[in-house]
Amino acid sequence: MLEIKCATLNDADAAFDIRREAIRSQCVGAYTAEQMALWTRGNAEDGYSALMDKSFYLGWFNDEPVATGMLDLDNNEIGALFVLPAFTGRGYGKAMLDHLESLARELAIEEVVLDATLNAASFYRACGYVGDEQAIYHSPSGLQLACIPMKKRVGRTDGLMSEGHRFVTQ
């Protein structure tokens, strides 16, 4: 069972490592080797750790952090959804996405947006997101990557919780 908890500053390195490994494994073919190298360089202290102050979450399996996700409340945007390669295909990405959407509903957010990586657009479509037009994502580090802006109306639905996942907000 995946346990989802709010991240702390102490989780920044683990979150950065999950991100780096997920990109290196899952984005092959969607982006060039040069883009992926630039995208995954550095470490958490290069700015990624600042995300821990936002609504950033880690998914834990057997006391090991295996997934990340964030809800940027300033923009109603879901981001940083990454799963360690050894844990993909188990529903952990979907569990994290469900958690973030549930949080958005609790906060009375009607619609969430995201910039899907080219390799992840089909996953988001299967989860009810719409968007087909390719755009350019401008990362805070200056990297520019092709993406698919997507959105989903989440509305408010009380009492939803994914089976098999325990959502913990500490």
Protein backbone atom coordinates (compact mmCIF):
# COMPACT_ATOMS: atom_id res chain seq x y z
CA MET A 1 0.00 0.00 0.00
CA LEU A 2 1.29 3.47 -0.86
CA GLU A 3 1.31 5.94 2.02
CA ILE A 4 1.29 9.58 0.92
CA LYS A 5 2.69 12.24 3.25
CA CYS A 6 3.55 15.92 3.03
CA ALA A 7 7.21 16.34 2.21
CA THR A 8 9.58 18.24 4.44
CA LEU A 9 12.86 19.95 3.68
CA ASN A 10 14.56 16.75 4.87
CA ASP A 11 12.87 14.92 1.95
CA ALA A 12 14.33 17.17 -0.76
CA ASP A 13 17.24 14.90 -1.67
CA ALA A 14 15.01 11.81 -1.91
CA ALA A 15 12.46 13.73 -4.02
CA PHE A 16 15.20 15.00 -6.34
CA ASP A 17 16.60 11.48 -6.71
CA ILE A 18 13.16 10.08 -7.60
CA ARG A 19 12.72 12.83 -10.19
CA ARG A 20 16.17 12.26 -11.72
CA GLU A 21 15.80 8.48 -11.96
CA ALA A 22 12.26 8.70 -13.37
CA ILE A 23 13.33 11.15 -16.08
CA ARG A 24 16.37 9.09 -17.03
CA SER A 25 14.28 5.93 -17.28
CA GLN A 26 10.91 7.04 -18.61
CA CYS A 27 11.73 9.93 -20.93
CA VAL A 28 14.11 8.05 -23.23
CA GLY A 29 12.93 8.55 -26.78
CA ALA A 30 10.70 11.49 -25.91
CA TYR A 31 13.64 13.85 -25.31
CA THR A 32 17.25 13.92 -26.48
CA ALA A 33 20.07 12.64 -24.31
CA GLU A 34 21.37 16.21 -24.08
CA GLN A 35 17.98 17.52 -22.88
CA MET A 36 17.73 14.76 -20.29
CA ALA A 37 21.27 15.41 -19.04
CA LEU A 38 20.53 19.12 -18.60
CA TRP A 39 17.16 18.34 -17.00
CA THR A 40 18.64 16.00 -14.40
CA ARG A 41 21.90 17.76 -13.56
CA GLY A 42 22.69 19.22 -10.16
CA ASN A 43 21.11 18.37 -6.84
CA ALA A 44 18.20 19.34 -4.61
CA GLU A 45 20.04 22.36 -3.19
CA ASP A 46 20.09 23.94 -6.67
CA GLY A 47 16.49 25.06 -6.16
CA TYR A 48 14.43 21.87 -6.08
CA SER A 49 14.40 21.88 -2.28
CA ALA A 50 12.32 25.09 -2.34
CA LEU A 51 9.40 23.03 -3.65
CA MET A 52 9.17 21.25 -0.30
CA ASP A 53 7.54 24.42 1.09
CA LYS A 54 4.64 24.02 -1.35
CA SER A 55 1.99 21.28 -1.31
CA PHE A 56 4.62 18.67 -2.17
CA TYR A 57 4.08 15.02 -1.31
CA LEU A 58 6.05 11.81 -1.16
CA GLY A 59 4.56 8.37 -1.66
CA TRP A 60 6.11 5.76 0.61
CA PHE A 61 6.16 1.99 0.15
CA ASN A 62 7.62 -0.07 3.02
CA ASP A 63 9.22 3.07 4.49
CA GLU A 64 10.94 3.88 1.17
CA PRO A 65 10.08 7.05 -0.79
CA VAL A 66 9.06 5.90 -4.27
CA ALA A 67 6.86 8.66 -5.74
CA THR A 68 6.47 12.44 -5.69
CA GLY A 69 3.77 14.92 -6.61
CA MET A 70 2.89 18.55 -6.04
CA LEU A 71 -0.16 20.81 -6.20
CA ASP A 72 0.89 24.39 -6.91
CA LEU A 73 -1.92 26.31 -5.20
CA ASP A 74 -0.97 29.60 -6.86
CA ASN A 75 -1.72 28.17 -10.31
CA ASN A 76 -3.99 25.17 -9.56
CA GLU A 77 -1.27 23.14 -11.24
CA ILE A 78 -0.24 19.54 -10.67
CA GLY A 79 3.45 18.90 -11.14
CA ALA A 80 6.50 16.90 -10.12
CA LEU A 81 4.65 13.60 -10.58
CA PHE A 82 7.46 11.05 -10.67
CA VAL A 83 7.80 7.38 -9.71
CA LEU A 84 11.03 5.46 -9.22
CA PRO A 85 11.58 3.14 -12.20
CA ALA A 86 11.54 -0.01 -10.06
CA PHE A 87 8.05 0.92 -8.82
CA THR A 88 6.32 1.89 -12.06
CA GLY A 89 3.32 -0.10 -13.21
CA ARG A 90 1.98 -0.60 -9.67
CA GLY A 91 -0.50 2.28 -9.72
CA TYR A 92 1.60 4.58 -7.55
CA GLY A 93 1.58 7.42 -10.09
CA LYS A 94 -2.21 7.15 -10.32
CA ALA A 95 -2.48 7.03 -6.53
CA MET A 96 -0.43 10.22 -6.23
CA LEU A 97 -2.50 11.91 -8.95
CA ASP A 98 -5.72 10.85 -7.19
CA HIS A 99 -4.37 12.30 -3.95
CA LEU A 100 -3.53 15.64 -5.57
CA GLU A 101 -6.93 15.83 -7.27
CA SER A 102 -8.64 14.98 -3.97
CA LEU A 103 -6.68 17.76 -2.27
CA ALA A 104 -7.75 20.17 -5.03
CA ARG A 105 -11.40 19.21 -4.46
CA GLU A 106 -11.04 19.75 -0.71
CA LEU A 107 -9.72 23.24 -1.47
CA ALA A 108 -12.70 23.93 -3.79
CA ILE A 109 -10.49 24.06 -6.86
CA GLU A 110 -12.71 23.39 -9.86
CA GLU A 111 -10.05 22.69 -12.49
CA VAL A 112 -6.41 21.64 -12.38
CA VAL A 113 -3.81 22.07 -15.09
CA LEU A 114 -0.48 20.43 -15.84
CA ASP A 115 2.26 20.33 -18.44
CA ALA A 116 2.61 16.68 -19.42
CA THR A 117 5.94 15.42 -20.67
CA LEU A 118 5.60 13.90 -24.13
CA ASN A 119 5.96 10.38 -22.72
CA ALA A 120 3.31 10.94 -20.01
CA ALA A 121 0.48 12.54 -22.04
CA SER A 122 -1.26 9.20 -22.66
CA PHE A 123 -1.20 8.44 -18.91
CA TYR A 124 -2.89 11.75 -18.15
CA ARG A 125 -5.45 11.27 -20.93
CA ALA A 126 -6.34 7.89 -19.42
CA CYS A 127 -6.88 9.76 -16.13
CA GLY A 128 -9.35 12.19 -17.72
CA TYR A 129 -7.07 15.06 -18.71
CA VAL A 130 -7.59 16.83 -22.02
CA GLY A 131 -5.10 18.61 -24.24
CA ASP A 132 -3.37 17.79 -27.50
CA GLU A 133 -1.45 20.90 -28.53
CA GLN A 134 2.29 20.77 -28.04
CA ALA A 135 3.91 23.75 -26.31
CA ILE A 136 7.25 24.62 -24.76
CA TYR A 137 7.76 24.30 -21.02
CA HIS A 138 10.23 26.85 -19.62
CA SER A 139 11.82 25.42 -16.49
CA PRO A 140 13.08 27.66 -13.67
CA SER A 141 16.62 26.57 -14.63
CA GLY A 142 16.15 27.92 -18.16
CA LEU A 143 15.70 24.55 -19.87
CA GLN A 144 13.06 24.45 -22.58
CA LEU A 145 11.20 21.18 -23.19
CA ALA A 146 8.30 20.18 -25.40
CA CYS A 147 5.18 19.44 -23.36
CA ILE A 148 1.44 19.00 -23.70
CA PRO A 149 -0.57 21.48 -21.57
CA MET A 150 -3.56 19.60 -20.17
CA LYS A 151 -6.44 20.27 -17.84
CA LYS A 152 -9.12 18.42 -15.94
CA ARG A 153 -12.25 19.56 -14.19
CA VAL A 154 -12.13 18.01 -10.74
CA GLY A 155 -15.05 19.82 -9.09
CA ARG A 156 -15.92 18.85 -5.57
CA THR A 157 -16.86 15.30 -4.67
CA ASP A 158 -17.01 14.48 -0.98
CA GLY A 159 -15.88 11.17 0.41
CA LEU A 160 -13.59 9.98 -2.40
CA MET A 161 -10.56 7.90 -1.54
CA SER A 162 -8.75 5.46 -3.76
CA GLU A 163 -8.96 1.87 -2.60
CA GLY A 164 -5.68 0.40 -1.44
CA HIS A 165 -4.03 3.75 -0.70
CA ARG A 166 -3.90 5.59 2.57
CA PHE A 167 -3.64 9.35 2.27
CA VAL A 168 -1.85 10.95 5.18
CA THR A 169 -1.36 14.70 5.47
CA GLN A 170 0.95 15.56 8.32
